[in-house]
Amino acid sequence: MRTPLLVLMLAGSSCPAFASDRCVVPQADWRPVEELTAGLTANGWTISNVKTEDGCYEVYGHDKDGKRVEVFFDPATFEAVGSDD
């Protein structure tokens, strides 16, 4: 991965949920969703669902601490860009 995923998740954890303003990546530049879920799972997350919303990946599941999360990720960088929490 380009940047440690955990650092990216923590950096974006306080961002508001304005995913449409943050995910403006052409679909040709998106990285595979399987790469995102593998990275999150390796960091202790349990993923229940991933969908595409407003140009972002929206991940539903539980973080490494067992907290329920709904987090938006930039599809090219996997930077956390907001949440529905």
C-alpha atoms as a PDB file:
ATOM      1  CA  MET A   1       0.000   0.000   0.000  1.00  0.00           C
ATOM      2  CA  ARG A   2       1.102   3.564  -0.589  1.00  0.00           C
ATOM      3  CA  THR A   3       0.561   4.780   2.993  1.00  0.00           C
ATOM      4  CA  PRO A   4      -0.123   2.804   6.144  1.00  0.00           C
ATOM      5  CA  LEU A   5      -3.864   2.266   6.204  1.00  0.00           C
ATOM      6  CA  LEU A   6      -4.215   2.751   9.942  1.00  0.00           C
ATOM      7  CA  VAL A   7      -2.667   6.233   9.742  1.00  0.00           C
ATOM      8  CA  LEU A   8      -5.070   7.167   6.973  1.00  0.00           C
ATOM      9  CA  MET A   9      -8.060   5.909   8.942  1.00  0.00           C
ATOM     10  CA  LEU A  10      -7.060   7.881  12.017  1.00  0.00           C
ATOM     11  CA  ALA A  11      -6.380  11.022   9.994  1.00  0.00           C
ATOM     12  CA  GLY A  12      -9.872  10.985   8.552  1.00  0.00           C
ATOM     13  CA  SER A  13     -11.772   9.879  11.614  1.00  0.00           C
ATOM     14  CA  SER A  14     -12.779  13.415  12.611  1.00  0.00           C
ATOM     15  CA  CYS A  15     -13.920  14.527   9.159  1.00  0.00           C
ATOM     16  CA  PRO A  16     -17.592  15.287   8.576  1.00  0.00           C
ATOM     17  CA  ALA A  17     -19.633  13.049   6.295  1.00  0.00           C
ATOM     18  CA  PHE A  18     -19.476  15.135   3.132  1.00  0.00           C
ATOM     19  CA  ALA A  19     -18.251  12.318   0.935  1.00  0.00           C
ATOM     20  CA  SER A  20     -19.457  13.904  -2.297  1.00  0.00           C
ATOM     21  CA  ASP A  21     -17.052  16.810  -1.712  1.00  0.00           C
ATOM     22  CA  ARG A  22     -14.102  14.534  -1.047  1.00  0.00           C
ATOM     23  CA  CYS A  23     -14.328  11.680  -3.565  1.00  0.00           C
ATOM     24  CA  VAL A  24     -13.882  13.157  -6.995  1.00  0.00           C
ATOM     25  CA  VAL A  25     -11.645  10.452  -8.462  1.00  0.00           C
ATOM     26  CA  PRO A  26     -12.321   9.199 -12.005  1.00  0.00           C
ATOM     27  CA  GLN A  27     -13.505   5.597 -11.798  1.00  0.00           C
ATOM     28  CA  ALA A  28     -10.590   4.482 -14.001  1.00  0.00           C
ATOM     29  CA  ASP A  29      -8.259   5.474 -11.133  1.00  0.00           C
ATOM     30  CA  TRP A  30     -10.075   3.538  -8.399  1.00  0.00           C
ATOM     31  CA  ARG A  31      -8.186   0.770  -6.633  1.00  0.00           C
ATOM     32  CA  PRO A  32     -10.009  -2.553  -6.156  1.00  0.00           C
ATOM     33  CA  VAL A  33     -12.388  -2.714  -3.208  1.00  0.00           C
ATOM     34  CA  GLU A  34     -10.818  -6.060  -2.286  1.00  0.00           C
ATOM     35  CA  GLU A  35      -7.553  -4.227  -1.601  1.00  0.00           C
ATOM     36  CA  LEU A  36      -9.352  -1.882   0.807  1.00  0.00           C
ATOM     37  CA  THR A  37     -11.152  -4.679   2.639  1.00  0.00           C
ATOM     38  CA  ALA A  38      -7.949  -6.735   2.898  1.00  0.00           C
ATOM     39  CA  GLY A  39      -6.119  -3.784   4.454  1.00  0.00           C
ATOM     40  CA  LEU A  40      -8.892  -3.072   6.919  1.00  0.00           C
ATOM     41  CA  THR A  41      -9.213  -6.732   7.870  1.00  0.00           C
ATOM     42  CA  ALA A  42      -5.444  -6.922   8.418  1.00  0.00           C
ATOM     43  CA  ASN A  43      -5.860  -3.998  10.834  1.00  0.00           C
ATOM     44  CA  GLY A  44      -8.467  -5.867  12.868  1.00  0.00           C
ATOM     45  CA  TRP A  45     -11.669  -4.635  11.235  1.00  0.00           C
ATOM     46  CA  THR A  46     -14.652  -6.888  10.573  1.00  0.00           C
ATOM     47  CA  ILE A  47     -16.335  -5.814   7.339  1.00  0.00           C
ATOM     48  CA  SER A  48     -20.026  -6.538   6.871  1.00  0.00           C
ATOM     49  CA  ASN A  49     -20.653  -4.567   3.664  1.00  0.00           C
ATOM     50  CA  VAL A  50     -19.005  -2.155   1.253  1.00  0.00           C
ATOM     51  CA  LYS A  51     -20.933  -0.030  -1.183  1.00  0.00           C
ATOM     52  CA  THR A  52     -20.231   2.891  -3.468  1.00  0.00           C
ATOM     53  CA  GLU A  53     -21.823   6.185  -2.495  1.00  0.00           C
ATOM     54  CA  ASP A  54     -21.128   9.689  -3.812  1.00  0.00           C
ATOM     55  CA  GLY A  55     -17.954   8.475  -5.518  1.00  0.00           C
ATOM     56  CA  CYS A  56     -16.522   6.916  -2.348  1.00  0.00           C
ATOM     57  CA  TYR A  57     -16.306   3.440  -0.911  1.00  0.00           C
ATOM     58  CA  GLU A  58     -18.567   3.296   2.145  1.00  0.00           C
ATOM     59  CA  VAL A  59     -17.528   0.564   4.567  1.00  0.00           C
ATOM     60  CA  TYR A  60     -19.903  -0.888   7.155  1.00  0.00           C
ATOM     61  CA  GLY A  61     -18.549  -3.029   9.962  1.00  0.00           C
ATOM     62  CA  HIS A  62     -16.644  -2.936  13.223  1.00  0.00           C
ATOM     63  CA  ASP A  63     -13.219  -1.410  13.825  1.00  0.00           C
ATOM     64  CA  LYS A  64     -10.379  -3.115  15.714  1.00  0.00           C
ATOM     65  CA  ASP A  65     -11.957  -2.062  19.016  1.00  0.00           C
ATOM     66  CA  GLY A  66     -15.295  -3.645  18.107  1.00  0.00           C
ATOM     67  CA  LYS A  67     -17.001  -0.275  17.560  1.00  0.00           C
ATOM     68  CA  ARG A  68     -19.648  -0.217  14.831  1.00  0.00           C
ATOM     69  CA  VAL A  69     -18.531   2.070  11.994  1.00  0.00           C
ATOM     70  CA  GLU A  70     -19.711   3.467   8.679  1.00  0.00           C
ATOM     71  CA  VAL A  71     -16.709   5.145   7.068  1.00  0.00           C
ATOM     72  CA  PHE A  72     -16.218   6.718   3.638  1.00  0.00           C
ATOM     73  CA  PHE A  73     -12.896   6.041   1.897  1.00  0.00           C
ATOM     74  CA  ASP A  74     -11.350   7.736  -1.118  1.00  0.00           C
ATOM     75  CA  PRO A  75     -11.290   4.984  -3.779  1.00  0.00           C
ATOM     76  CA  ALA A  76      -7.818   5.903  -5.071  1.00  0.00           C
ATOM     77  CA  THR A  77      -5.894   6.562  -1.854  1.00  0.00           C
ATOM     78  CA  PHE A  78      -8.044   4.699   0.714  1.00  0.00           C
ATOM     79  CA  GLU A  79      -7.904   7.790   2.891  1.00  0.00           C
ATOM     80  CA  ALA A  80     -10.807   7.954   5.335  1.00  0.00           C
ATOM     81  CA  VAL A  81     -12.805  11.034   4.315  1.00  0.00           C
ATOM     82  CA  GLY A  82     -15.760  10.957   6.680  1.00  0.00           C
ATOM     83  CA  SER A  83     -18.272   8.788   8.456  1.00  0.00           C
ATOM     84  CA  ASP A  84     -21.952   8.389   9.216  1.00  0.00           C
ATOM     85  CA  ASP A  85     -21.285   7.952  12.918  1.00  0.00           C
END
